[in-house]
C-alpha atoms as a PDB file:
ATOM      1  CA  MET A   1    -122.953 -19.296   1.283  1.00  0.00           C
ATOM      2  CA  LYS A   2    -120.614 -20.424  -1.511  1.00  0.00           C
ATOM      3  CA  LEU A   3    -122.359 -21.456  -4.724  1.00  0.00           C
ATOM      4  CA  VAL A   4    -121.139 -24.781  -6.176  1.00  0.00           C
ATOM      5  CA  LEU A   5    -122.381 -25.781  -9.611  1.00  0.00           C
ATOM      6  CA  VAL A   6    -122.617 -29.522 -10.177  1.00  0.00           C
ATOM      7  CA  ALA A   7    -123.572 -31.385 -13.342  1.00  0.00           C
ATOM      8  CA  ALA A   8    -124.782 -34.988 -13.393  1.00  0.00           C
ATOM      9  CA  CYS A   9    -126.284 -37.273 -16.002  1.00  0.00           C
ATOM     10  CA  ALA A  10    -128.371 -40.388 -16.310  1.00  0.00           C
ATOM     11  CA  LEU A  11    -126.573 -43.067 -18.319  1.00  0.00           C
ATOM     12  CA  VAL A  12    -129.165 -45.542 -19.578  1.00  0.00           C
ATOM     13  CA  ASP A  13    -128.269 -48.591 -21.674  1.00  0.00           C
ATOM     14  CA  ALA A  14    -130.355 -50.286 -24.376  1.00  0.00           C
ATOM     15  CA  ASP A  15    -131.977 -52.546 -21.740  1.00  0.00           C
ATOM     16  CA  GLY A  16    -133.130 -49.545 -19.698  1.00  0.00           C
ATOM     17  CA  ARG A  17    -130.597 -50.058 -16.913  1.00  0.00           C
ATOM     18  CA  VAL A  18    -129.404 -46.863 -15.199  1.00  0.00           C
ATOM     19  CA  LEU A  19    -125.857 -46.382 -13.879  1.00  0.00           C
ATOM     20  CA  LEU A  20    -125.785 -45.185 -10.251  1.00  0.00           C
ATOM     21  CA  ALA A  21    -122.991 -44.996  -7.689  1.00  0.00           C
ATOM     22  CA  GLN A  22    -123.214 -45.089  -3.905  1.00  0.00           C
ATOM     23  CA  ARG A  23    -121.369 -42.278  -2.126  1.00  0.00           C
ATOM     24  CA  PRO A  24    -118.522 -43.649   0.004  1.00  0.00           C
ATOM     25  CA  ALA A  25    -118.321 -43.536   3.790  1.00  0.00           C
ATOM     26  CA  GLY A  26    -116.598 -40.456   5.139  1.00  0.00           C
ATOM     27  CA  ARG A  27    -117.885 -38.185   2.355  1.00  0.00           C
ATOM     28  CA  ALA A  28    -120.755 -35.723   2.447  1.00  0.00           C
ATOM     29  CA  MET A  29    -124.092 -37.528   2.067  1.00  0.00           C
ATOM     30  CA  ALA A  30    -122.366 -40.919   2.500  1.00  0.00           C
ATOM     31  CA  GLY A  31    -124.479 -43.930   1.547  1.00  0.00           C
ATOM     32  CA  LEU A  32    -126.782 -42.012  -0.786  1.00  0.00           C
ATOM     33  CA  TRP A  33    -127.046 -42.934  -4.454  1.00  0.00           C
ATOM     34  CA  GLU A  34    -125.939 -40.540  -7.188  1.00  0.00           C
ATOM     35  CA  PHE A  35    -125.604 -40.192 -10.928  1.00  0.00           C
ATOM     36  CA  PRO A  36    -122.138 -39.753 -12.449  1.00  0.00           C
ATOM     37  CA  GLY A  37    -120.923 -36.165 -12.674  1.00  0.00           C
ATOM     38  CA  GLY A  38    -119.171 -33.599 -10.563  1.00  0.00           C
ATOM     39  CA  ASN A  39    -118.357 -30.011  -9.748  1.00  0.00           C
ATOM     40  CA  GLY A  40    -117.923 -27.552 -12.563  1.00  0.00           C
ATOM     41  CA  GLU A  41    -114.735 -25.561 -12.891  1.00  0.00           C
ATOM     42  CA  ARG A  42    -114.798 -21.762 -13.087  1.00  0.00           C
ATOM     43  CA  SER A  43    -116.631 -20.568 -16.229  1.00  0.00           C
ATOM     44  CA  GLU A  44    -117.101 -24.178 -17.446  1.00  0.00           C
ATOM     45  CA  PRO A  45    -120.477 -24.851 -19.111  1.00  0.00           C
ATOM     46  CA  PRO A  46    -122.445 -27.777 -17.572  1.00  0.00           C
ATOM     47  CA  GLU A  47    -122.138 -29.831 -20.774  1.00  0.00           C
ATOM     48  CA  GLN A  48    -118.360 -29.531 -20.658  1.00  0.00           C
ATOM     49  CA  THR A  49    -118.362 -30.453 -16.961  1.00  0.00           C
ATOM     50  CA  LEU A  50    -120.205 -33.692 -17.781  1.00  0.00           C
ATOM     51  CA  ILE A  51    -117.934 -34.547 -20.689  1.00  0.00           C
ATOM     52  CA  ARG A  52    -114.838 -33.998 -18.511  1.00  0.00           C
ATOM     53  CA  GLU A  53    -116.198 -35.843 -15.468  1.00  0.00           C
ATOM     54  CA  LEU A  54    -117.341 -38.864 -17.516  1.00  0.00           C
ATOM     55  CA  ARG A  55    -113.892 -39.055 -19.124  1.00  0.00           C
ATOM     56  CA  GLU A  56    -112.110 -38.757 -15.729  1.00  0.00           C
ATOM     57  CA  GLU A  57    -114.402 -41.012 -13.671  1.00  0.00           C
ATOM     58  CA  LEU A  58    -115.590 -43.648 -16.152  1.00  0.00           C
ATOM     59  CA  ARG A  59    -113.047 -43.400 -18.980  1.00  0.00           C
ATOM     60  CA  ILE A  60    -115.828 -42.916 -21.553  1.00  0.00           C
ATOM     61  CA  THR A  61    -115.978 -40.398 -24.366  1.00  0.00           C
ATOM     62  CA  VAL A  62    -119.145 -38.335 -24.731  1.00  0.00           C
ATOM     63  CA  THR A  63    -119.642 -35.544 -27.246  1.00  0.00           C
ATOM     64  CA  LYS A  64    -121.595 -32.346 -26.692  1.00  0.00           C
ATOM     65  CA  GLU A  65    -124.181 -33.545 -29.235  1.00  0.00           C
ATOM     66  CA  CYS A  66    -124.983 -36.509 -26.959  1.00  0.00           C
ATOM     67  CA  VAL A  67    -125.762 -34.295 -23.943  1.00  0.00           C
ATOM     68  CA  ALA A  68    -129.243 -32.831 -23.481  1.00  0.00           C
ATOM     69  CA  PRO A  69    -130.435 -30.846 -20.445  1.00  0.00           C
ATOM     70  CA  LEU A  70    -133.345 -32.323 -18.516  1.00  0.00           C
ATOM     71  CA  THR A  71    -133.857 -30.492 -15.241  1.00  0.00           C
ATOM     72  CA  PHE A  72    -132.152 -28.716 -12.388  1.00  0.00           C
ATOM     73  CA  ALA A  73    -132.250 -28.837  -8.605  1.00  0.00           C
ATOM     74  CA  SER A  74    -130.752 -26.934  -5.708  1.00  0.00           C
ATOM     75  CA  HIS A  75    -130.293 -27.481  -1.985  1.00  0.00           C
ATOM     76  CA  GLY A  76    -128.758 -25.701   0.968  1.00  0.00           C
END
């Protein structure tokens, strides 16, 4: 089985609201809710994956100092 590393983050505003997105129809796990993030590129650290994905998907700038690991999960 191919190993795919994915990084995601919880974006929480000052009012405690959390940004989630619903996966579109026709995609794997369609209809489920997810945090912003995406697949890491070869040899890319998870922090850099998040910074890149947030810039590409949401057009926001995040620095490495603003990223802190919380947990991990895996599934088959």
